[in-house]
Amino acid sequence: MKRGKVVNILYSVTVSSESAYDKLFSKSEKKPLQQAMKYHRLLCEGLSALDDVNVHVISKLPINRSNFKKNYLKSESEIKNKVNYYYISIVNLPLIKNVFAFFTVLYTVIKRCDRDTVIVGDVLNITTSMANIMAGRIKGVKTIGIVTDIPSHLASSNKNSHTERISRFKNFTVKLNNFILQKFDSYIFLTEQMNELINKEGKPYIVMEGHIDSQVVKLRNTLEGKYPGIICQYAGSLKKIYGIEKLTRAFIHANVEGSELHIYGDGDFVDELQQICAQHPTIRYFGVKLNQYIVNEQLKSTLLINPRPTDEEYTKYSYPSKNMEYMASGTPTLTTKLAGMPQEYYDYIYLIEDESLEGLTKTLQHVLGKSKEELHEKGLKAKEFVLLEKNNIVQAQKLLQLIQQIQ
């Protein structure tokens, strides 16, 4: 493909503008896929900021009976930040919903394809992935799969029942997902290890561990704007496998004067967490909040923590989006040395070297013993790094180069 030629990107995933998301889910108790949708939205906006690139989103919104009570949601379209969004109609009924969505996405993608189009999609969404692959074959255009997790790892982390029937269904969906994954023409991976595991045919790929909104430069993080006490924050999945239980216990043992741990999210640790909060006032649980609310709280916090253990195999194939968001806030980040995290990040964060309860306790005492000025400076350097090197426009340029390679 020649430089200067307009690139048409059909970004076929589950995503929406911020305003559309707030309109649909601001009053829902279960707010779906906030981090995943933010990942795709920012990449779309980064692409739309590039010259000679048109971005058209075909979105299957994450509607289900727990967050949307109506049986039908009609299609809508809007333009936000130069991104053209088209939200397909949704039939909100079990089984019928996915079949209807498959044919709707397939028809819409085929209708909007031309020879200069490339289809970008999330490989973990089986319904849209099948439609994207089929549309690409029919129209003779290239497809790019975004791989944000390994299907088998995702299934194992989402276990909520051990019945044989559900187990067989999960095994089938993992096999189907892996089959579809291999049909894409090229990939975006979160880590290099993902490429080694998945890309056996050596197809073109890029590694993009994440990206931050280029507009965060407008967010001011000042010492004057912070809470008067020592406020630590964890925001994300409250599954025990992600280390949240150990963090709460280590924080209690650390017993740093004037400190509190604020926790946001949902998961299998919630019931136990609420009991801990009742006994320990320095641990506070705020439930699930919209992303913008959490970002504002990050600006006012002292330290942002991600205790995700590194002894699990899946850490080679993931890079938590919260780490990128933490750093972008300008508040310092304390995290484990994840296998999928590039070493270039090490200078800009505090690392948990010893992940035992005692080690994490000592680390909290050490980091929270630093002056607020020193902590603030560390956070601002991290923000400068990700804003310069990992903003959504810079990362979108890498994707555009991949598109130019495969066209």
Protein backbone atom coordinates (compact mmCIF):
# COMPACT_ATOMS: atom_id res chain seq x y z
CA MET A 1 0.00 0.00 0.00
CA LYS A 2 1.41 3.37 -1.00
CA ARG A 3 1.94 6.09 1.56
CA GLY A 4 -0.60 8.86 1.38
CA LYS A 5 -3.37 6.50 0.33
CA VAL A 6 -6.40 6.61 2.61
CA VAL A 7 -6.62 3.60 4.90
CA ASN A 8 -10.11 2.42 5.82
CA ILE A 9 -10.26 0.52 9.09
CA LEU A 10 -13.33 -1.44 10.10
CA TYR A 11 -12.88 -1.87 13.84
CA SER A 12 -15.39 -4.60 14.65
CA VAL A 13 -15.47 -5.15 18.44
CA THR A 14 -17.43 -4.41 21.58
CA VAL A 15 -16.80 -0.72 22.19
CA SER A 16 -18.60 2.59 22.48
CA SER A 17 -17.96 6.25 23.05
CA GLU A 18 -17.81 7.38 26.68
CA SER A 19 -21.14 9.19 26.39
CA ALA A 20 -22.90 6.14 24.90
CA TYR A 21 -21.50 3.93 27.65
CA ASP A 22 -22.65 6.31 30.38
CA LYS A 23 -26.10 6.55 28.81
CA LEU A 24 -26.55 2.77 28.78
CA PHE A 25 -24.82 1.67 31.96
CA SER A 26 -24.45 4.56 34.42
CA LYS A 27 -27.41 3.22 36.44
CA SER A 28 -26.56 -0.48 36.04
CA GLU A 29 -25.31 -2.32 39.08
CA LYS A 30 -23.07 -4.47 36.88
CA LYS A 31 -21.02 -2.24 34.61
CA PRO A 32 -19.58 -4.40 31.82
CA LEU A 33 -16.12 -4.49 30.28
CA GLN A 34 -14.97 -1.01 31.26
CA GLN A 35 -11.25 -1.65 30.83
CA ALA A 36 -11.61 -3.64 27.61
CA MET A 37 -13.87 -1.01 26.09
CA LYS A 38 -11.50 1.77 27.11
CA TYR A 39 -8.61 -0.10 25.43
CA HIS A 40 -10.47 -0.29 22.12
CA ARG A 41 -11.93 3.23 22.32
CA LEU A 42 -8.54 4.83 22.90
CA LEU A 43 -6.96 2.87 20.05
CA CYS A 44 -9.78 3.93 17.73
CA GLU A 45 -9.32 7.56 18.73
CA GLY A 46 -5.55 7.26 18.26
CA LEU A 47 -6.06 5.89 14.75
CA SER A 48 -8.54 8.61 13.87
CA ALA A 49 -5.94 11.24 14.82
CA LEU A 50 -3.56 9.98 12.11
CA ASP A 51 -3.49 11.42 8.60
CA ASP A 52 -5.19 9.48 5.82
CA VAL A 53 -6.96 7.08 8.19
CA ASN A 54 -10.73 6.57 8.41
CA VAL A 55 -12.02 4.58 11.38
CA HIS A 56 -15.45 2.99 11.28
CA VAL A 57 -16.48 1.06 14.37
CA ILE A 58 -19.01 -1.75 14.12
CA SER A 59 -19.93 -2.51 17.69
CA LYS A 60 -21.84 -5.29 19.40
CA LEU A 61 -22.59 -3.63 22.73
CA PRO A 62 -22.18 -5.78 25.90
CA ILE A 63 -25.91 -6.00 26.51
CA ASN A 64 -27.35 -8.81 28.64
CA ARG A 65 -30.27 -9.37 30.98
CA SER A 66 -28.31 -8.26 34.06
CA ASN A 67 -27.55 -4.77 32.74
CA PHE A 68 -30.34 -4.09 30.23
CA LYS A 69 -33.94 -5.21 30.80
CA LYS A 70 -35.44 -4.59 27.37
CA ASN A 71 -35.63 -7.39 24.80
CA TYR A 72 -34.49 -5.22 21.90
CA LEU A 73 -32.09 -2.35 21.33
CA LYS A 74 -32.27 -0.72 17.92
CA SER A 75 -29.20 0.22 15.93
CA GLU A 76 -27.71 3.70 16.32
CA SER A 77 -24.76 5.62 14.97
CA GLU A 78 -22.72 8.60 16.12
CA ILE A 79 -19.42 10.38 15.46
CA LYS A 80 -17.19 11.09 18.45
CA ASN A 81 -13.58 12.33 18.26
CA LYS A 82 -13.56 11.62 14.51
CA VAL A 83 -14.53 7.98 15.09
CA ASN A 84 -17.65 6.74 13.27
CA TYR A 85 -19.55 4.42 15.62
CA TYR A 86 -22.29 2.10 14.42
CA TYR A 87 -24.01 0.09 17.14
CA ILE A 88 -25.80 -2.93 15.71
CA SER A 89 -29.30 -3.89 16.80
CA ILE A 90 -29.40 -6.26 19.77
CA VAL A 91 -31.97 -8.96 20.45
CA ASN A 92 -31.53 -9.38 24.18
CA LEU A 93 -32.61 -13.01 24.45
CA PRO A 94 -30.42 -16.03 25.32
CA LEU A 95 -28.88 -17.85 22.32
CA ILE A 96 -30.86 -15.78 19.82
CA LYS A 97 -28.76 -12.74 20.77
CA ASN A 98 -25.46 -14.21 19.56
CA VAL A 99 -26.88 -15.75 16.38
CA PHE A 100 -28.56 -12.48 15.47
CA ALA A 101 -25.38 -10.52 16.27
CA PHE A 102 -23.23 -12.82 14.12
CA PHE A 103 -25.32 -12.33 10.97
CA THR A 104 -25.76 -8.62 11.65
CA VAL A 105 -22.02 -8.04 12.07
CA LEU A 106 -21.24 -10.21 9.04
CA TYR A 107 -23.69 -8.30 6.83
CA THR A 108 -22.55 -4.89 8.09
CA VAL A 109 -18.83 -5.60 7.69
CA ILE A 110 -19.27 -7.01 4.17
CA LYS A 111 -21.42 -4.03 3.17
CA ARG A 112 -18.80 -1.52 4.34
CA CYS A 113 -15.68 -3.23 3.00
CA ASP A 114 -13.74 -2.10 -0.05
CA ARG A 115 -10.34 -3.19 -1.35
CA ASP A 116 -8.46 -0.69 0.82
CA THR A 117 -10.19 -1.85 4.01
CA VAL A 118 -8.60 -3.81 6.83
CA ILE A 119 -10.73 -5.46 9.52
CA VAL A 120 -9.56 -5.20 13.13
CA GLY A 121 -11.25 -7.26 15.83
CA ASP A 122 -11.00 -8.71 19.33
CA VAL A 123 -10.20 -12.43 19.07
CA LEU A 124 -11.81 -13.20 22.43
CA ASN A 125 -15.29 -12.26 21.21
CA ILE A 126 -16.23 -15.43 19.36
CA THR A 127 -19.38 -14.01 17.76
CA THR A 128 -17.75 -10.97 16.16
CA SER A 129 -14.48 -12.81 15.41
CA MET A 130 -16.24 -15.45 13.33
CA ALA A 131 -18.08 -12.72 11.44
CA ASN A 132 -14.87 -10.73 10.90
CA ILE A 133 -12.92 -13.72 9.58
CA MET A 134 -15.74 -14.77 7.24
CA ALA A 135 -16.22 -11.22 5.96
CA GLY A 136 -12.50 -10.89 5.33
CA ARG A 137 -12.46 -14.09 3.29
CA ILE A 138 -15.54 -13.11 1.27
CA LYS A 139 -14.25 -9.61 0.49
CA GLY A 140 -10.59 -10.57 0.11
CA VAL A 141 -9.30 -8.14 2.74
CA LYS A 142 -6.83 -8.60 5.57
CA THR A 143 -7.83 -9.17 9.19
CA ILE A 144 -5.96 -8.19 12.35
CA GLY A 145 -6.75 -9.92 15.63
CA ILE A 146 -6.20 -8.14 18.94
CA VAL A 147 -5.16 -10.74 21.53
CA THR A 148 -5.62 -9.36 25.04
CA ASP A 149 -5.68 -12.76 26.76
CA ILE A 150 -5.15 -16.46 26.14
CA PRO A 151 -8.56 -18.19 25.74
CA SER A 152 -7.68 -21.13 28.01
CA HIS A 153 -6.35 -18.84 30.73
CA LEU A 154 -9.39 -16.61 30.52
CA ALA A 155 -11.73 -19.58 30.87
CA SER A 156 -9.88 -20.95 33.91
CA SER A 157 -9.94 -17.56 35.67
CA ASN A 158 -13.70 -17.27 35.13
CA LYS A 159 -14.71 -20.52 36.79
CA ASN A 160 -17.98 -20.15 38.63
CA SER A 161 -19.30 -23.67 38.48
CA HIS A 162 -17.85 -27.14 38.39
CA THR A 163 -20.77 -28.95 36.79
CA GLU A 164 -19.85 -31.30 33.99
CA ARG A 165 -22.21 -29.57 31.57
CA ILE A 166 -20.63 -26.13 32.05
CA SER A 167 -17.14 -27.65 31.96
CA ARG A 168 -17.83 -29.29 28.58
CA PHE A 169 -19.23 -26.01 27.22
CA LYS A 170 -16.14 -24.08 28.35
CA ASN A 171 -13.84 -26.65 26.77
CA PHE A 172 -15.76 -26.33 23.50
CA THR A 173 -15.64 -22.51 23.51
CA VAL A 174 -11.89 -22.53 24.23
CA LYS A 175 -11.26 -24.89 21.31
CA LEU A 176 -13.48 -22.81 19.04
CA ASN A 177 -11.77 -19.61 20.16
CA ASN A 178 -8.32 -21.08 19.50
CA PHE A 179 -9.44 -22.27 16.05
CA ILE A 180 -10.77 -18.82 15.12
CA LEU A 181 -7.68 -17.12 16.55
CA GLN A 182 -5.44 -18.94 14.06
CA LYS A 183 -7.46 -17.64 11.10
CA PHE A 184 -6.46 -13.99 11.43
CA ASP A 185 -3.86 -12.66 9.00
CA SER A 186 -1.89 -10.73 11.64
CA TYR A 187 -1.96 -9.89 15.33
CA ILE A 188 -1.63 -7.34 18.08
CA PHE A 189 -0.26 -8.99 21.23
CA LEU A 190 0.12 -7.62 24.74
CA THR A 191 3.44 -9.41 25.29
CA GLU A 192 6.20 -11.02 23.25
CA GLN A 193 5.49 -14.31 25.01
CA MET A 194 2.00 -14.29 23.47
CA ASN A 195 3.53 -14.32 20.01
CA GLU A 196 5.74 -17.28 20.89
CA LEU A 197 2.75 -19.26 22.17
CA ILE A 198 0.16 -18.42 19.51
CA ASN A 199 1.82 -17.33 16.28
CA LYS A 200 3.23 -20.66 15.13
CA GLU A 201 3.05 -19.67 11.44
CA GLY A 202 5.10 -16.50 11.94
CA LYS A 203 2.41 -14.10 10.71
CA PRO A 204 3.07 -10.33 10.96
CA TYR A 205 2.47 -8.93 14.43
CA ILE A 206 3.20 -6.09 16.82
CA VAL A 207 3.41 -6.00 20.61
CA MET A 208 1.29 -3.30 22.21
CA GLU A 209 1.00 -3.79 25.96
CA GLY A 210 -1.46 -0.93 26.21
CA HIS A 211 -1.90 2.77 25.65
CA ILE A 212 -3.06 5.84 27.50
CA ASP A 213 -5.22 8.73 26.42
CA SER A 214 -3.05 11.48 24.94
CA GLN A 215 -5.44 13.93 26.60
CA VAL A 216 -4.31 12.98 30.15
CA VAL A 217 -1.78 15.78 29.78
CA LYS A 218 -4.71 18.02 30.73
CA LEU A 219 -5.21 16.25 34.07
CA ARG A 220 -3.36 18.06 36.84
CA ASN A 221 -1.91 15.97 39.62
CA THR A 222 -0.74 18.26 42.43
CA LEU A 223 0.25 17.77 46.04
CA GLU A 224 -2.29 20.41 47.00
CA GLY A 225 -5.09 18.43 45.37
CA LYS A 226 -4.44 15.21 47.26
CA TYR A 227 -6.19 13.82 50.30
CA PRO A 228 -4.56 14.97 53.55
CA GLY A 229 -3.93 11.39 54.69
CA ILE A 230 -1.98 8.56 53.06
CA ILE A 231 -4.50 7.07 50.64
CA CYS A 232 -3.63 3.90 48.72
CA GLN A 233 -5.90 2.63 45.96
CA TYR A 234 -6.59 -0.65 44.23
CA ALA A 235 -9.07 -0.63 41.33
CA GLY A 236 -9.85 -3.70 39.28
CA SER A 237 -10.92 -7.32 39.52
CA LEU A 238 -11.43 -8.50 43.09
CA LYS A 239 -10.55 -12.11 42.33
CA LYS A 240 -8.33 -13.74 44.93
CA ILE A 241 -5.99 -15.02 42.22
CA TYR A 242 -4.97 -11.41 41.53
CA GLY A 243 -3.52 -10.91 45.00
CA ILE A 244 -6.15 -8.61 46.48
CA GLU A 245 -6.61 -10.76 49.61
CA LYS A 246 -2.88 -10.68 50.38
CA LEU A 247 -2.78 -6.93 49.78
CA THR A 248 -5.51 -6.23 52.33
CA ARG A 249 -3.83 -8.40 54.95
CA ALA A 250 -0.40 -6.89 54.27
CA PHE A 251 -1.86 -3.41 54.55
CA ILE A 252 -3.35 -4.24 57.94
CA HIS A 253 -0.01 -5.69 59.14
CA ALA A 254 1.92 -2.68 57.80
CA ASN A 255 -0.16 -0.45 60.08
CA VAL A 256 1.20 2.80 58.63
CA GLU A 257 -0.09 5.72 60.64
CA GLY A 258 -2.65 7.88 58.83
CA SER A 259 -3.05 5.44 55.93
CA GLU A 260 -6.13 3.94 54.27
CA LEU A 261 -6.59 1.42 51.47
CA HIS A 262 -9.46 2.26 49.08
CA ILE A 263 -10.68 -0.63 46.94
CA TYR A 264 -12.90 -0.58 43.82
CA GLY A 265 -14.21 -3.47 41.75
CA ASP A 266 -16.04 -6.79 41.90
CA GLY A 267 -15.07 -10.44 42.25
CA ASP A 268 -15.01 -13.51 44.48
CA PHE A 269 -13.31 -11.64 47.33
CA VAL A 270 -16.08 -9.09 47.86
CA ASP A 271 -17.97 -10.84 50.68
CA GLU A 272 -14.80 -11.49 52.66
CA LEU A 273 -13.57 -7.98 51.94
CA GLN A 274 -16.73 -6.44 53.37
CA GLN A 275 -16.20 -8.43 56.57
CA ILE A 276 -12.61 -7.18 56.77
CA CYS A 277 -13.77 -3.59 56.25
CA ALA A 278 -16.21 -3.96 59.16
CA GLN A 279 -13.32 -4.96 61.43
CA HIS A 280 -10.64 -2.64 60.04
CA PRO A 281 -11.77 0.95 59.27
CA THR A 282 -8.54 1.65 57.34
CA ILE A 283 -9.73 -0.76 54.61
CA ARG A 284 -12.59 0.81 52.64
CA TYR A 285 -14.58 -0.80 49.82
CA PHE A 286 -16.44 1.45 47.36
CA GLY A 287 -17.92 -1.10 44.95
CA VAL A 288 -17.95 -0.61 41.18
CA LYS A 289 -17.64 2.93 39.86
CA LEU A 290 -17.41 4.47 36.41
CA ASN A 291 -13.88 4.82 35.12
CA GLN A 292 -13.84 8.61 35.23
CA TYR A 293 -14.74 8.58 38.91
CA ILE A 294 -11.86 6.22 39.66
CA VAL A 295 -9.43 8.34 37.63
CA ASN A 296 -10.38 11.41 39.66
CA GLU A 297 -9.78 9.46 42.86
CA GLN A 298 -6.38 8.34 41.56
CA LEU A 299 -5.33 11.97 41.21
CA LYS A 300 -6.08 12.54 44.89
CA SER A 301 -4.42 9.34 46.16
CA THR A 302 -0.90 8.81 47.51
CA LEU A 303 -0.08 5.40 46.00
CA LEU A 304 -1.75 3.07 43.48
CA ILE A 305 -1.17 -0.65 44.00
CA ASN A 306 -1.36 -3.74 41.80
CA PRO A 307 -0.38 -6.87 43.77
CA ARG A 308 -0.92 -9.37 40.94
CA PRO A 309 1.19 -12.50 41.70
CA THR A 310 3.95 -13.43 39.27
CA ASP A 311 4.10 -17.16 39.99
CA GLU A 312 1.21 -18.00 37.67
CA GLU A 313 1.82 -18.97 34.05
CA TYR A 314 -0.73 -16.44 32.76
CA THR A 315 1.42 -13.47 33.83
CA LYS A 316 3.64 -14.11 30.80
CA TYR A 317 0.68 -13.38 28.58
CA SER A 318 -0.85 -10.32 30.19
CA TYR A 319 -0.14 -6.71 30.96
CA PRO A 320 -2.75 -5.20 33.29
CA SER A 321 -4.36 -2.12 31.81
CA LYS A 322 -4.59 -0.73 35.33
CA ASN A 323 -0.78 -0.36 35.43
CA MET A 324 -0.88 1.91 32.40
CA GLU A 325 -3.80 3.87 33.82
CA TYR A 326 -2.09 4.14 37.20
CA MET A 327 1.04 5.60 35.63
CA ALA A 328 -0.92 8.00 33.46
CA SER A 329 -2.56 9.52 36.52
CA GLY A 330 0.70 10.95 37.86
CA THR A 331 0.28 9.15 41.20
CA PRO A 332 3.08 6.63 41.86
CA THR A 333 2.53 2.93 41.17
CA LEU A 334 3.56 -0.07 43.30
CA THR A 335 3.37 -3.37 41.45
CA THR A 336 4.91 -6.79 41.07
CA LYS A 337 7.58 -7.60 38.50
CA LEU A 338 5.23 -9.19 35.98
CA ALA A 339 6.83 -11.41 33.33
CA GLY A 340 5.00 -9.58 30.55
CA MET A 341 6.08 -6.12 31.68
CA PRO A 342 8.97 -4.64 29.63
CA GLN A 343 12.01 -3.61 31.70
CA GLU A 344 11.73 -0.05 30.41
CA TYR A 345 8.98 0.46 33.01
CA TYR A 346 11.14 -0.41 36.01
CA ASP A 347 12.65 3.05 36.48
CA TYR A 348 9.22 4.65 36.76
CA ILE A 349 7.48 2.43 39.32
CA TYR A 350 8.02 0.91 42.76
CA LEU A 351 8.47 -2.87 42.58
CA ILE A 352 7.28 -5.59 44.95
CA GLU A 353 10.33 -7.88 44.93
CA ASP A 354 9.17 -10.20 47.75
CA GLU A 355 5.55 -11.25 47.22
CA SER A 356 5.15 -13.08 50.53
CA LEU A 357 2.83 -11.56 53.12
CA GLU A 358 5.83 -10.44 55.14
CA GLY A 359 7.61 -9.10 52.05
CA LEU A 360 4.59 -7.13 50.87
CA THR A 361 4.09 -5.74 54.39
CA LYS A 362 7.68 -4.50 54.53
CA THR A 363 7.41 -3.04 51.02
CA LEU A 364 4.32 -1.06 51.97
CA GLN A 365 6.03 0.26 55.09
CA HIS A 366 9.11 1.24 53.07
CA VAL A 367 7.29 3.00 50.22
CA LEU A 368 4.73 4.73 52.42
CA GLY A 369 7.58 5.90 54.64
CA LYS A 370 8.85 8.12 51.82
CA SER A 371 7.98 11.79 51.79
CA LYS A 372 4.94 12.91 49.84
CA GLU A 373 7.24 15.07 47.71
CA GLU A 374 9.38 12.08 46.71
CA LEU A 375 6.34 9.95 45.93
CA HIS A 376 4.78 12.73 43.89
CA GLU A 377 7.93 13.22 41.82
CA LYS A 378 8.06 9.48 41.05
CA GLY A 379 4.46 9.57 39.87
CA LEU A 380 4.99 12.58 37.62
CA LYS A 381 8.02 10.93 35.96
CA ALA A 382 5.90 7.85 35.24
CA LYS A 383 3.20 10.01 33.70
CA GLU A 384 5.76 11.77 31.51
CA PHE A 385 7.09 8.41 30.32
CA VAL A 386 3.77 6.86 29.30
CA LEU A 387 2.48 10.12 27.86
CA LEU A 388 5.51 10.37 25.58
CA GLU A 389 6.07 6.70 24.74
CA LYS A 390 2.72 4.95 25.19
CA ASN A 391 -0.03 7.39 24.27
CA ASN A 392 -2.79 6.14 22.00
CA ILE A 393 -1.60 8.11 18.98
CA VAL A 394 1.96 6.72 19.20
CA GLN A 395 0.59 3.19 19.61
CA ALA A 396 -1.88 3.68 16.76
CA GLN A 397 1.06 4.57 14.51
CA LYS A 398 2.50 1.09 15.21
CA LEU A 399 -0.78 -0.46 14.11
CA LEU A 400 -0.80 1.65 10.96
CA GLN A 401 2.70 0.38 10.14
CA LEU A 402 1.44 -3.19 10.54
CA ILE A 403 -1.43 -2.45 8.18
CA GLN A 404 1.00 -1.03 5.62
CA GLN A 405 3.07 -4.21 5.95
CA ILE A 406 0.22 -6.63 5.25
CA GLN A 407 -1.63 -4.67 2.55
